[in-house]
PDB file of all heavy atoms in Angstrom:
ATOM      1  N   ARG A   1     207.375  74.559 -43.300  1.00  0.00           N
ATOM      2  CA  ARG A   1     208.660  74.902 -44.046  1.00  0.00           C
ATOM      3  C   ARG A   1     208.378  75.111 -45.534  1.00  0.00           C
ATOM      4  O   ARG A   1     208.896  75.956 -46.153  1.00  0.00           O
ATOM      5  CB  ARG A   1     209.669  73.866 -43.786  1.00  0.00           C
ATOM      6  CG  ARG A   1     210.190  73.854 -42.423  1.00  0.00           C
ATOM      7  CD  ARG A   1     211.268  72.818 -42.232  1.00  0.00           C
ATOM      8  NE  ARG A   1     211.707  72.778 -40.842  1.00  0.00           N
ATOM      9  CZ  ARG A   1     212.091  71.673 -40.239  1.00  0.00           C
ATOM     10  NH1 ARG A   1     212.012  70.544 -40.802  1.00  0.00           N
ATOM     11  NH2 ARG A   1     212.529  71.770 -38.982  1.00  0.00           N
ATOM     12  N   TYR A   2     207.558  74.240 -46.129  1.00  0.00           N
ATOM     13  CA  TYR A   2     207.233  74.344 -47.535  1.00  0.00           C
ATOM     14  C   TYR A   2     206.510  75.630 -47.803  1.00  0.00           C
ATOM     15  O   TYR A   2     206.785  76.315 -48.803  1.00  0.00           O
ATOM     16  CB  TYR A   2     206.357  73.153 -48.008  1.00  0.00           C
ATOM     17  CG  TYR A   2     207.108  71.836 -47.929  1.00  0.00           C
ATOM     18  CD1 TYR A   2     206.699  70.792 -47.146  1.00  0.00           C
ATOM     19  CD2 TYR A   2     208.266  71.649 -48.714  1.00  0.00           C
ATOM     20  CE1 TYR A   2     207.377  69.623 -47.075  1.00  0.00           C
ATOM     21  CE2 TYR A   2     208.940  70.437 -48.712  1.00  0.00           C
ATOM     22  CZ  TYR A   2     208.532  69.413 -47.885  1.00  0.00           C
ATOM     23  OH  TYR A   2     209.213  68.249 -47.852  1.00  0.00           O
ATOM     24  N   ILE A   3     205.561  76.027 -46.989  1.00  0.00           N
ATOM     25  CA  ILE A   3     204.788  77.260 -47.197  1.00  0.00           C
ATOM     26  C   ILE A   3     205.767  78.424 -46.996  1.00  0.00           C
ATOM     27  O   ILE A   3     205.657  79.409 -47.791  1.00  0.00           O
ATOM     28  CB  ILE A   3     203.590  77.331 -46.211  1.00  0.00           C
ATOM     29  CG1 ILE A   3     202.583  76.222 -46.528  1.00  0.00           C
ATOM     30  CG2 ILE A   3     202.938  78.734 -46.300  1.00  0.00           C
ATOM     31  CD1 ILE A   3     201.409  76.052 -45.573  1.00  0.00           C
ATOM     32  N   ASP A   4     206.585  78.385 -45.998  1.00  0.00           N
ATOM     33  CA  ASP A   4     207.518  79.492 -45.823  1.00  0.00           C
ATOM     34  C   ASP A   4     208.443  79.653 -47.075  1.00  0.00           C
ATOM     35  O   ASP A   4     208.763  80.775 -47.497  1.00  0.00           O
ATOM     36  CB  ASP A   4     208.453  79.305 -44.587  1.00  0.00           C
ATOM     37  CG  ASP A   4     207.687  79.579 -43.272  1.00  0.00           C
ATOM     38  OD1 ASP A   4     206.711  80.370 -43.291  1.00  0.00           O
ATOM     39  OD2 ASP A   4     208.150  79.064 -42.214  1.00  0.00           O
ATOM     40  N   LYS A   5     208.897  78.530 -47.566  1.00  0.00           N
ATOM     41  CA  LYS A   5     209.667  78.482 -48.761  1.00  0.00           C
ATOM     42  C   LYS A   5     208.992  79.090 -49.978  1.00  0.00           C
ATOM     43  O   LYS A   5     209.539  79.897 -50.700  1.00  0.00           O
ATOM     44  CB  LYS A   5     210.275  77.124 -49.132  1.00  0.00           C
ATOM     45  CG  LYS A   5     211.283  77.081 -50.172  1.00  0.00           C
ATOM     46  CD  LYS A   5     211.804  75.581 -50.257  1.00  0.00           C
ATOM     47  CE  LYS A   5     212.948  75.550 -51.189  1.00  0.00           C
ATOM     48  NZ  LYS A   5     213.565  74.260 -51.291  1.00  0.00           N
ATOM     49  N   LEU A   6     207.782  78.663 -50.177  1.00  0.00           N
ATOM     50  CA  LEU A   6     207.009  79.136 -51.349  1.00  0.00           C
ATOM     51  C   LEU A   6     206.689  80.649 -51.279  1.00  0.00           C
ATOM     52  O   LEU A   6     206.636  81.358 -52.223  1.00  0.00           O
ATOM     53  CB  LEU A   6     205.667  78.412 -51.445  1.00  0.00           C
ATOM     54  CG  LEU A   6     205.749  76.954 -51.911  1.00  0.00           C
ATOM     55  CD1 LEU A   6     204.473  76.247 -51.777  1.00  0.00           C
ATOM     56  CD2 LEU A   6     206.215  76.914 -53.330  1.00  0.00           C
ATOM     57  N   THR A   7     206.563  81.121 -49.997  1.00  0.00           N
ATOM     58  CA  THR A   7     206.200  82.586 -49.831  1.00  0.00           C
ATOM     59  C   THR A   7     207.436  83.453 -49.643  1.00  0.00           C
ATOM     60  O   THR A   7     207.364  84.676 -49.525  1.00  0.00           O
ATOM     61  CB  THR A   7     205.234  82.775 -48.687  1.00  0.00           C
ATOM     62  OG1 THR A   7     205.867  82.252 -47.468  1.00  0.00           O
ATOM     63  CG2 THR A   7     203.874  82.135 -48.903  1.00  0.00           C
ATOM     64  N   SER A   8     208.612  82.829 -49.751  1.00  0.00           N
ATOM     65  CA  SER A   8     209.868  83.603 -49.648  1.00  0.00           C
ATOM     66  C   SER A   8     210.106  84.385 -50.875  1.00  0.00           C
ATOM     67  O   SER A   8     209.411  84.277 -51.925  1.00  0.00           O
ATOM     68  CB  SER A   8     211.093  82.643 -49.408  1.00  0.00           C
ATOM     69  OG  SER A   8     211.247  81.889 -50.630  1.00  0.00           O
ATOM     70  N   ASP A   9     211.081  85.305 -50.807  1.00  0.00           N
ATOM     71  CA  ASP A   9     211.402  86.145 -51.982  1.00  0.00           C
ATOM     72  C   ASP A   9     211.880  85.328 -53.165  1.00  0.00           C
ATOM     73  O   ASP A   9     211.734  85.692 -54.284  1.00  0.00           O
ATOM     74  CB  ASP A   9     212.520  87.224 -51.585  1.00  0.00           C
ATOM     75  CG  ASP A   9     211.991  88.212 -50.607  1.00  0.00           C
ATOM     76  OD1 ASP A   9     210.765  88.430 -50.579  1.00  0.00           O
ATOM     77  OD2 ASP A   9     212.817  88.833 -49.881  1.00  0.00           O
ATOM     78  N   LYS A  10     212.483  84.177 -52.857  1.00  0.00           N
ATOM     79  CA  LYS A  10     212.990  83.326 -53.911  1.00  0.00           C
ATOM     80  C   LYS A  10     211.891  82.871 -54.847  1.00  0.00           C
ATOM     81  O   LYS A  10     211.973  82.877 -56.100  1.00  0.00           O
ATOM     82  CB  LYS A  10     213.728  82.135 -53.383  1.00  0.00           C
ATOM     83  CG  LYS A  10     214.342  81.224 -54.412  1.00  0.00           C
ATOM     84  CD  LYS A  10     215.133  80.115 -53.755  1.00  0.00           C
ATOM     85  CE  LYS A  10     215.739  79.196 -54.790  1.00  0.00           C
ATOM     86  NZ  LYS A  10     216.495  78.100 -54.170  1.00  0.00           N
ATOM     87  N   TYR A  11     210.765  82.388 -54.280  1.00  0.00           N
ATOM     88  CA  TYR A  11     209.645  81.832 -55.081  1.00  0.00           C
ATOM     89  C   TYR A  11     208.546  82.843 -55.284  1.00  0.00           C
ATOM     90  O   TYR A  11     207.836  82.866 -56.259  1.00  0.00           O
ATOM     91  CB  TYR A  11     209.110  80.531 -54.494  1.00  0.00           C
ATOM     92  CG  TYR A  11     210.138  79.432 -54.509  1.00  0.00           C
ATOM     93  CD1 TYR A  11     210.947  79.143 -53.379  1.00  0.00           C
ATOM     94  CD2 TYR A  11     210.342  78.727 -55.695  1.00  0.00           C
ATOM     95  CE1 TYR A  11     211.865  78.135 -53.507  1.00  0.00           C
ATOM     96  CE2 TYR A  11     211.272  77.716 -55.787  1.00  0.00           C
ATOM     97  CZ  TYR A  11     212.037  77.433 -54.657  1.00  0.00           C
ATOM     98  OH  TYR A  11     213.032  76.446 -54.706  1.00  0.00           O
ATOM     99  N   GLY A  12     208.257  83.654 -54.290  1.00  0.00           N
ATOM    100  CA  GLY A  12     207.331  84.789 -54.390  1.00  0.00           C
ATOM    101  C   GLY A  12     205.812  84.549 -54.479  1.00  0.00           C
ATOM    102  O   GLY A  12     205.042  85.346 -54.916  1.00  0.00           O
ATOM    103  N   TYR A  13     205.422  83.322 -54.051  1.00  0.00           N
ATOM    104  CA  TYR A  13     203.971  83.020 -54.041  1.00  0.00           C
ATOM    105  C   TYR A  13     203.307  83.800 -52.900  1.00  0.00           C
ATOM    106  O   TYR A  13     203.938  84.046 -51.839  1.00  0.00           O
ATOM    107  CB  TYR A  13     203.731  81.558 -53.856  1.00  0.00           C
ATOM    108  CG  TYR A  13     204.034  80.742 -55.039  1.00  0.00           C
ATOM    109  CD1 TYR A  13     205.217  80.042 -55.191  1.00  0.00           C
ATOM    110  CD2 TYR A  13     203.082  80.650 -56.056  1.00  0.00           C
ATOM    111  CE1 TYR A  13     205.494  79.292 -56.300  1.00  0.00           C
ATOM    112  CE2 TYR A  13     203.352  79.834 -57.274  1.00  0.00           C
ATOM    113  CZ  TYR A  13     204.578  79.194 -57.297  1.00  0.00           C
ATOM    114  OH  TYR A  13     204.820  78.363 -58.389  1.00  0.00           O
ATOM    115  N   THR A  14     202.123  84.164 -53.090  1.00  0.00           N
ATOM    116  CA  THR A  14     201.285  84.781 -52.042  1.00  0.00           C
ATOM    117  C   THR A  14     200.631  83.652 -51.215  1.00  0.00           C
ATOM    118  O   THR A  14     200.554  82.510 -51.622  1.00  0.00           O
ATOM    119  CB  THR A  14     200.203  85.711 -52.579  1.00  0.00           C
ATOM    120  OG1 THR A  14     199.256  84.968 -53.291  1.00  0.00           O
ATOM    121  CG2 THR A  14     200.845  86.787 -53.535  1.00  0.00           C
ATOM    122  N   TYR A  15     200.152  84.059 -50.105  1.00  0.00           N
ATOM    123  CA  TYR A  15     199.403  83.051 -49.245  1.00  0.00           C
ATOM    124  C   TYR A  15     198.100  82.627 -49.965  1.00  0.00           C
ATOM    125  O   TYR A  15     197.757  81.440 -49.831  1.00  0.00           O
ATOM    126  CB  TYR A  15     199.103  83.653 -47.820  1.00  0.00           C
ATOM    127  CG  TYR A  15     200.290  83.725 -46.979  1.00  0.00           C
ATOM    128  CD1 TYR A  15     200.896  85.017 -46.771  1.00  0.00           C
ATOM    129  CD2 TYR A  15     200.905  82.675 -46.408  1.00  0.00           C
ATOM    130  CE1 TYR A  15     202.015  85.160 -45.954  1.00  0.00           C
ATOM    131  CE2 TYR A  15     202.063  82.782 -45.621  1.00  0.00           C
ATOM    132  CZ  TYR A  15     202.586  83.992 -45.457  1.00  0.00           C
ATOM    133  OH  TYR A  15     203.751  84.113 -44.638  1.00  0.00           O
ATOM    134  N   ASP A  16     197.515  83.477 -50.707  1.00  0.00           N
ATOM    135  CA  ASP A  16     196.346  83.095 -51.467  1.00  0.00           C
ATOM    136  C   ASP A  16     196.687  82.077 -52.499  1.00  0.00           C
ATOM    137  O   ASP A  16     195.870  81.138 -52.745  1.00  0.00           O
ATOM    138  CB  ASP A  16     195.666  84.295 -52.070  1.00  0.00           C
ATOM    139  CG  ASP A  16     194.979  85.182 -51.004  1.00  0.00           C
ATOM    140  OD1 ASP A  16     194.473  84.657 -50.023  1.00  0.00           O
ATOM    141  OD2 ASP A  16     194.928  86.469 -51.258  1.00  0.00           O
ATOM    142  N   GLU A  17     197.820  82.267 -53.187  1.00  0.00           N
ATOM    143  CA  GLU A  17     198.221  81.257 -54.197  1.00  0.00           C
ATOM    144  C   GLU A  17     198.521  79.946 -53.551  1.00  0.00           C
ATOM    145  O   GLU A  17     198.203  78.926 -54.096  1.00  0.00           O
ATOM    146  CB  GLU A  17     199.452  81.854 -54.906  1.00  0.00           C
ATOM    147  CG  GLU A  17     199.084  82.991 -55.848  1.00  0.00           C
ATOM    148  CD  GLU A  17     200.356  83.648 -56.405  1.00  0.00           C
ATOM    149  OE1 GLU A  17     201.413  83.665 -55.744  1.00  0.00           O
ATOM    150  OE2 GLU A  17     200.217  84.197 -57.559  1.00  0.00           O
ATOM    151  N   VAL A  18     199.149  79.916 -52.385  1.00  0.00           N
ATOM    152  CA  VAL A  18     199.433  78.694 -51.673  1.00  0.00           C
ATOM    153  C   VAL A  18     198.101  78.050 -51.291  1.00  0.00           C
ATOM    154  O   VAL A  18     197.936  76.845 -51.345  1.00  0.00           O
ATOM    155  CB  VAL A  18     200.325  78.992 -50.392  1.00  0.00           C
ATOM    156  CG1 VAL A  18     200.443  77.716 -49.531  1.00  0.00           C
ATOM    157  CG2 VAL A  18     201.711  79.487 -50.824  1.00  0.00           C
ATOM    158  N   SER A  19     197.134  78.831 -50.875  1.00  0.00           N
ATOM    159  CA  SER A  19     195.803  78.363 -50.493  1.00  0.00           C
ATOM    160  C   SER A  19     195.209  77.612 -51.691  1.00  0.00           C
ATOM    161  O   SER A  19     194.605  76.525 -51.535  1.00  0.00           O
ATOM    162  CB  SER A  19     194.880  79.547 -50.112  1.00  0.00           C
ATOM    163  OG  SER A  19     193.578  79.076 -49.942  1.00  0.00           O
ATOM    164  N   GLU A  20     195.353  78.180 -52.891  1.00  0.00           N
ATOM    165  CA  GLU A  20     194.858  77.466 -54.056  1.00  0.00           C
ATOM    166  C   GLU A  20     195.527  76.160 -54.305  1.00  0.00           C
ATOM    167  O   GLU A  20     194.896  75.188 -54.735  1.00  0.00           O
ATOM    168  CB  GLU A  20     194.971  78.429 -55.315  1.00  0.00           C
ATOM    169  CG  GLU A  20     194.004  79.632 -55.281  1.00  0.00           C
ATOM    170  CD  GLU A  20     192.597  79.227 -55.249  1.00  0.00           C
ATOM    171  OE1 GLU A  20     192.129  78.285 -56.011  1.00  0.00           O
ATOM    172  OE2 GLU A  20     191.780  79.821 -54.465  1.00  0.00           O
ATOM    173  N   MET A  21     196.846  76.140 -54.105  1.00  0.00           N
ATOM    174  CA  MET A  21     197.597  74.880 -54.337  1.00  0.00           C
ATOM    175  C   MET A  21     197.027  73.873 -53.263  1.00  0.00           C
ATOM    176  O   MET A  21     196.917  72.653 -53.655  1.00  0.00           O
ATOM    177  CB  MET A  21     199.091  75.165 -54.030  1.00  0.00           C
ATOM    178  CG  MET A  21     199.758  75.967 -55.129  1.00  0.00           C
ATOM    179  SD  MET A  21     201.458  76.169 -54.600  1.00  0.00           S
ATOM    180  CE  MET A  21     201.883  77.615 -55.540  1.00  0.00           C
ATOM    181  N   LEU A  22     196.822  74.293 -52.078  1.00  0.00           N
ATOM    182  CA  LEU A  22     196.411  73.330 -51.020  1.00  0.00           C
ATOM    183  C   LEU A  22     194.926  72.828 -51.319  1.00  0.00           C
ATOM    184  O   LEU A  22     194.653  71.683 -50.968  1.00  0.00           O
ATOM    185  CB  LEU A  22     196.494  74.012 -49.639  1.00  0.00           C
ATOM    186  CG  LEU A  22     197.899  74.271 -49.126  1.00  0.00           C
ATOM    187  CD1 LEU A  22     197.787  75.034 -47.795  1.00  0.00           C
ATOM    188  CD2 LEU A  22     198.662  73.033 -48.944  1.00  0.00           C
ATOM    189  N   LYS A  23     194.138  73.663 -51.930  1.00  0.00           N
ATOM    190  CA  LYS A  23     192.763  73.191 -52.246  1.00  0.00           C
ATOM    191  C   LYS A  23     192.839  71.980 -53.231  1.00  0.00           C
ATOM    192  O   LYS A  23     192.016  71.107 -53.123  1.00  0.00           O
ATOM    193  CB  LYS A  23     192.019  74.336 -52.938  1.00  0.00           C
ATOM    194  CG  LYS A  23     191.447  75.330 -51.973  1.00  0.00           C
ATOM    195  CD  LYS A  23     190.681  76.422 -52.637  1.00  0.00           C
ATOM    196  CE  LYS A  23     190.316  77.445 -51.637  1.00  0.00           C
ATOM    197  NZ  LYS A  23     189.628  78.625 -52.221  1.00  0.00           N
ATOM    198  N   GLY A  24     193.871  71.957 -54.053  1.00  0.00           N
ATOM    199  CA  GLY A  24     194.110  70.801 -54.944  1.00  0.00           C
ATOM    200  C   GLY A  24     194.380  69.522 -54.178  1.00  0.00           C
ATOM    201  O   GLY A  24     194.183  68.429 -54.699  1.00  0.00           O
ATOM    202  N   LEU A  25     194.865  69.718 -52.961  1.00  0.00           N
ATOM    203  CA  LEU A  25     195.128  68.562 -52.165  1.00  0.00           C
ATOM    204  C   LEU A  25     194.003  68.248 -51.120  1.00  0.00           C
ATOM    205  O   LEU A  25     194.148  67.379 -50.251  1.00  0.00           O
ATOM    206  CB  LEU A  25     196.482  68.824 -51.242  1.00  0.00           C
ATOM    207  CG  LEU A  25     197.725  69.022 -52.141  1.00  0.00           C
ATOM    208  CD1 LEU A  25     198.860  69.444 -51.227  1.00  0.00           C
ATOM    209  CD2 LEU A  25     198.108  67.759 -52.905  1.00  0.00           C
ATOM    210  N   GLY A  26     192.956  69.070 -51.254  1.00  0.00           N
ATOM    211  CA  GLY A  26     191.784  68.806 -50.310  1.00  0.00           C
ATOM    212  C   GLY A  26     191.864  69.561 -49.049  1.00  0.00           C
ATOM    213  O   GLY A  26     191.105  69.282 -48.126  1.00  0.00           O
ATOM    214  N   ILE A  27     192.746  70.535 -48.894  1.00  0.00           N
ATOM    215  CA  ILE A  27     192.879  71.361 -47.735  1.00  0.00           C
ATOM    216  C   ILE A  27     192.332  72.705 -47.967  1.00  0.00           C
ATOM    217  O   ILE A  27     192.730  73.445 -48.784  1.00  0.00           O
ATOM    218  CB  ILE A  27     194.391  71.529 -47.263  1.00  0.00           C
ATOM    219  CG1 ILE A  27     195.037  70.075 -47.093  1.00  0.00           C
ATOM    220  CG2 ILE A  27     194.532  72.367 -46.026  1.00  0.00           C
ATOM    221  CD1 ILE A  27     196.486  70.066 -46.906  1.00  0.00           C
ATOM    222  N   GLN A  28     191.238  73.002 -47.189  1.00  0.00           N
ATOM    223  CA  GLN A  28     190.434  74.206 -47.403  1.00  0.00           C
ATOM    224  C   GLN A  28     190.844  75.270 -46.407  1.00  0.00           C
ATOM    225  O   GLN A  28     190.350  75.332 -45.307  1.00  0.00           O
ATOM    226  CB  GLN A  28     188.975  73.936 -47.285  1.00  0.00           C
ATOM    227  CG  GLN A  28     188.405  72.953 -48.282  1.00  0.00           C
ATOM    228  CD  GLN A  28     188.456  73.464 -49.699  1.00  0.00           C
ATOM    229  OE1 GLN A  28     188.215  74.656 -49.954  1.00  0.00           O
ATOM    230  NE2 GLN A  28     188.755  72.588 -50.675  1.00  0.00           N
ATOM    231  N   LEU A  29     191.847  76.052 -46.742  1.00  0.00           N
ATOM    232  CA  LEU A  29     192.270  77.215 -45.837  1.00  0.00           C
ATOM    233  C   LEU A  29     192.417  78.403 -46.716  1.00  0.00           C
ATOM    234  O   LEU A  29     192.986  78.375 -47.811  1.00  0.00           O
ATOM    235  CB  LEU A  29     193.602  76.868 -45.185  1.00  0.00           C
ATOM    236  CG  LEU A  29     193.654  75.819 -44.099  1.00  0.00           C
ATOM    237  CD1 LEU A  29     195.161  75.549 -43.683  1.00  0.00           C
ATOM    238  CD2 LEU A  29     192.874  76.302 -42.887  1.00  0.00           C
ATOM    239  N   SER A  30     192.023  79.523 -46.203  1.00  0.00           N
ATOM    240  CA  SER A  30     192.211  80.795 -46.915  1.00  0.00           C
ATOM    241  C   SER A  30     193.658  81.238 -46.731  1.00  0.00           C
ATOM    242  O   SER A  30     194.337  80.840 -45.790  1.00  0.00           O
ATOM    243  CB  SER A  30     191.275  81.924 -46.395  1.00  0.00           C
ATOM    244  OG  SER A  30     191.597  82.252 -45.034  1.00  0.00           O
ATOM    245  N   GLY A  31     194.052  82.166 -47.559  1.00  0.00           N
ATOM    246  CA  GLY A  31     195.404  82.745 -47.497  1.00  0.00           C
ATOM    247  C   GLY A  31     195.635  83.412 -46.187  1.00  0.00           C
ATOM    248  O   GLY A  31     196.738  83.310 -45.521  1.00  0.00           O
ATOM    249  N   SER A  32     194.663  84.186 -45.731  1.00  0.00           N
ATOM    250  CA  SER A  32     194.780  84.929 -44.488  1.00  0.00           C
ATOM    251  C   SER A  32     194.850  83.948 -43.343  1.00  0.00           C
ATOM    252  O   SER A  32     195.611  84.214 -42.339  1.00  0.00           O
ATOM    253  CB  SER A  32     193.648  85.968 -44.283  1.00  0.00           C
ATOM    254  OG  SER A  32     192.427  85.260 -44.317  1.00  0.00           O
ATOM    255  N   ARG A  33     194.101  82.862 -43.338  1.00  0.00           N
ATOM    256  CA  ARG A  33     194.178  81.895 -42.278  1.00  0.00           C
ATOM    257  C   ARG A  33     195.540  81.219 -42.244  1.00  0.00           C
ATOM    258  O   ARG A  33     196.106  80.939 -41.112  1.00  0.00           O
ATOM    259  CB  ARG A  33     193.042  80.856 -42.491  1.00  0.00           C
ATOM    260  CG  ARG A  33     192.951  79.902 -41.349  1.00  0.00           C
ATOM    261  CD  ARG A  33     192.393  80.548 -40.111  1.00  0.00           C
ATOM    262  NE  ARG A  33     192.210  79.528 -39.058  1.00  0.00           N
ATOM    263  CZ  ARG A  33     192.115  79.845 -37.797  1.00  0.00           C
ATOM    264  NH1 ARG A  33     192.099  81.130 -37.386  1.00  0.00           N
ATOM    265  NH2 ARG A  33     191.999  78.876 -36.915  1.00  0.00           N
ATOM    266  N   ILE A  34     196.074  80.867 -43.354  1.00  0.00           N
ATOM    267  CA  ILE A  34     197.442  80.273 -43.367  1.00  0.00           C
ATOM    268  C   ILE A  34     198.426  81.219 -42.765  1.00  0.00           C
ATOM    269  O   ILE A  34     199.300  80.823 -41.969  1.00  0.00           O
ATOM    270  CB  ILE A  34     197.821  79.931 -44.872  1.00  0.00           C
ATOM    271  CG1 ILE A  34     196.967  78.861 -45.427  1.00  0.00           C
ATOM    272  CG2 ILE A  34     199.325  79.498 -44.929  1.00  0.00           C
ATOM    273  CD1 ILE A  34     197.090  78.581 -46.897  1.00  0.00           C
ATOM    274  N   LYS A  35     198.376  82.497 -43.129  1.00  0.00           N
ATOM    275  CA  LYS A  35     199.312  83.469 -42.625  1.00  0.00           C
ATOM    276  C   LYS A  35     199.187  83.588 -41.119  1.00  0.00           C
ATOM    277  O   LYS A  35     200.182  83.664 -40.354  1.00  0.00           O
ATOM    278  CB  LYS A  35     199.062  84.859 -43.299  1.00  0.00           C
ATOM    279  CG  LYS A  35     200.054  85.860 -42.905  1.00  0.00           C
ATOM    280  CD  LYS A  35     199.829  87.178 -43.711  1.00  0.00           C
ATOM    281  CE  LYS A  35     200.857  88.203 -43.398  1.00  0.00           C
ATOM    282  NZ  LYS A  35     200.662  89.393 -44.206  1.00  0.00           N
ATOM    283  N   TYR A  36     197.896  83.613 -40.637  1.00  0.00           N
ATOM    284  CA  TYR A  36     197.703  83.748 -39.162  1.00  0.00           C
ATOM    285  C   TYR A  36     198.216  82.522 -38.477  1.00  0.00           C
ATOM    286  O   TYR A  36     198.925  82.639 -37.381  1.00  0.00           O
ATOM    287  CB  TYR A  36     196.179  83.858 -38.915  1.00  0.00           C
ATOM    288  CG  TYR A  36     195.796  83.659 -37.465  1.00  0.00           C
ATOM    289  CD1 TYR A  36     195.982  84.710 -36.508  1.00  0.00           C
ATOM    290  CD2 TYR A  36     195.285  82.440 -37.002  1.00  0.00           C
ATOM    291  CE1 TYR A  36     195.693  84.553 -35.234  1.00  0.00           C
ATOM    292  CE2 TYR A  36     194.959  82.272 -35.719  1.00  0.00           C
ATOM    293  CZ  TYR A  36     195.195  83.299 -34.781  1.00  0.00           C
ATOM    294  OH  TYR A  36     194.884  83.147 -33.455  1.00  0.00           O
ATOM    295  N   LEU A  37     197.945  81.321 -39.004  1.00  0.00           N
ATOM    296  CA  LEU A  37     198.359  80.103 -38.301  1.00  0.00           C
ATOM    297  C   LEU A  37     199.871  79.989 -38.232  1.00  0.00           C
ATOM    298  O   LEU A  37     200.433  79.547 -37.262  1.00  0.00           O
ATOM    299  CB  LEU A  37     197.791  78.875 -38.970  1.00  0.00           C
ATOM    300  CG  LEU A  37     196.229  78.638 -38.824  1.00  0.00           C
ATOM    301  CD1 LEU A  37     195.761  77.585 -39.749  1.00  0.00           C
ATOM    302  CD2 LEU A  37     195.910  78.422 -37.371  1.00  0.00           C
ATOM    303  N   LEU A  38     200.589  80.328 -39.310  1.00  0.00           N
ATOM    304  CA  LEU A  38     201.996  80.311 -39.313  1.00  0.00           C
ATOM    305  C   LEU A  38     202.594  81.293 -38.352  1.00  0.00           C
ATOM    306  O   LEU A  38     203.575  81.028 -37.692  1.00  0.00           O
ATOM    307  CB  LEU A  38     202.535  80.616 -40.700  1.00  0.00           C
ATOM    308  CG  LEU A  38     202.319  79.465 -41.784  1.00  0.00           C
ATOM    309  CD1 LEU A  38     202.847  79.966 -43.114  1.00  0.00           C
ATOM    310  CD2 LEU A  38     202.969  78.233 -41.348  1.00  0.00           C
ATOM    311  N   GLY A  39     201.950  82.466 -38.187  1.00  0.00           N
ATOM    312  CA  GLY A  39     202.414  83.466 -37.259  1.00  0.00           C
ATOM    313  C   GLY A  39     202.274  82.940 -35.780  1.00  0.00           C
ATOM    314  O   GLY A  39     203.166  83.102 -34.955  1.00  0.00           O
ATOM    315  N   GLU A  40     201.168  82.240 -35.575  1.00  0.00           N
ATOM    316  CA  GLU A  40     200.899  81.645 -34.219  1.00  0.00           C
ATOM    317  C   GLU A  40     202.033  80.596 -33.922  1.00  0.00           C
ATOM    318  O   GLU A  40     202.531  80.535 -32.842  1.00  0.00           O
ATOM    319  CB  GLU A  40     199.522  81.078 -34.144  1.00  0.00           C
ATOM    320  CG  GLU A  40     198.468  82.077 -34.049  1.00  0.00           C
ATOM    321  CD  GLU A  40     198.517  82.928 -32.764  1.00  0.00           C
ATOM    322  OE1 GLU A  40     198.615  82.381 -31.649  1.00  0.00           O
ATOM    323  OE2 GLU A  40     198.589  84.155 -32.940  1.00  0.00           O
ATOM    324  N   LEU A  41     202.313  79.757 -34.897  1.00  0.00           N
ATOM    325  CA  LEU A  41     203.341  78.739 -34.702  1.00  0.00           C
ATOM    326  C   LEU A  41     204.672  79.379 -34.406  1.00  0.00           C
ATOM    327  O   LEU A  41     205.427  78.914 -33.564  1.00  0.00           O
ATOM    328  CB  LEU A  41     203.504  77.857 -35.970  1.00  0.00           C
ATOM    329  CG  LEU A  41     202.493  76.842 -36.188  1.00  0.00           C
ATOM    330  CD1 LEU A  41     202.569  76.174 -37.570  1.00  0.00           C
ATOM    331  CD2 LEU A  41     202.571  75.758 -35.108  1.00  0.00           C
ATOM    332  N   LYS A  42     205.008  80.460 -35.060  1.00  0.00           N
ATOM    333  CA  LYS A  42     206.323  81.142 -34.891  1.00  0.00           C
ATOM    334  C   LYS A  42     206.315  81.704 -33.473  1.00  0.00           C
ATOM    335  O   LYS A  42     207.338  81.672 -32.840  1.00  0.00           O
ATOM    336  CB  LYS A  42     206.535  82.160 -35.939  1.00  0.00           C
ATOM    337  CG  LYS A  42     206.890  81.598 -37.281  1.00  0.00           C
ATOM    338  CD  LYS A  42     207.041  82.624 -38.359  1.00  0.00           C
ATOM    339  CE  LYS A  42     207.331  81.978 -39.766  1.00  0.00           C
ATOM    340  NZ  LYS A  42     207.401  82.935 -40.767  1.00  0.00           N
ATOM    341  N   LYS A  43     205.219  82.329 -33.053  1.00  0.00           N
ATOM    342  CA  LYS A  43     205.206  82.909 -31.722  1.00  0.00           C
ATOM    343  C   LYS A  43     205.370  81.868 -30.681  1.00  0.00           C
ATOM    344  O   LYS A  43     206.197  82.000 -29.740  1.00  0.00           O
ATOM    345  CB  LYS A  43     203.829  83.639 -31.518  1.00  0.00           C
ATOM    346  CG  LYS A  43     203.783  85.013 -32.027  1.00  0.00           C
ATOM    347  CD  LYS A  43     202.612  85.829 -31.433  1.00  0.00           C
ATOM    348  CE  LYS A  43     201.281  85.218 -31.708  1.00  0.00           C
ATOM    349  NZ  LYS A  43     200.185  86.105 -31.440  1.00  0.00           N
ATOM    350  N   ASN A  44     204.715  80.708 -30.812  1.00  0.00           N
ATOM    351  CA  ASN A  44     204.776  79.673 -29.866  1.00  0.00           C
ATOM    352  C   ASN A  44     206.177  79.055 -29.780  1.00  0.00           C
ATOM    353  O   ASN A  44     206.736  78.718 -28.764  1.00  0.00           O
ATOM    354  CB  ASN A  44     203.756  78.589 -30.067  1.00  0.00           C
ATOM    355  CG  ASN A  44     202.361  79.084 -29.784  1.00  0.00           C
ATOM    356  OD1 ASN A  44     202.180  79.998 -28.956  1.00  0.00           O
ATOM    357  ND2 ASN A  44     201.364  78.456 -30.427  1.00  0.00           N
TER     358      ASN A  44
END
C-alpha cells in the first residue's frame, strides 16, 4: 500500500526512486523487480 501510494499520481515517485528509499532500510530490490512483484500480487 505504501509503495502504491508513493507511485500514485499524488506523490509521483518512480519505482526506481522507491527502490532507493528501500535501500536505506536495507532492502535490495530494483525498481523493475518491485513493479513486477506488485503486479503479481495484484493478479493473485
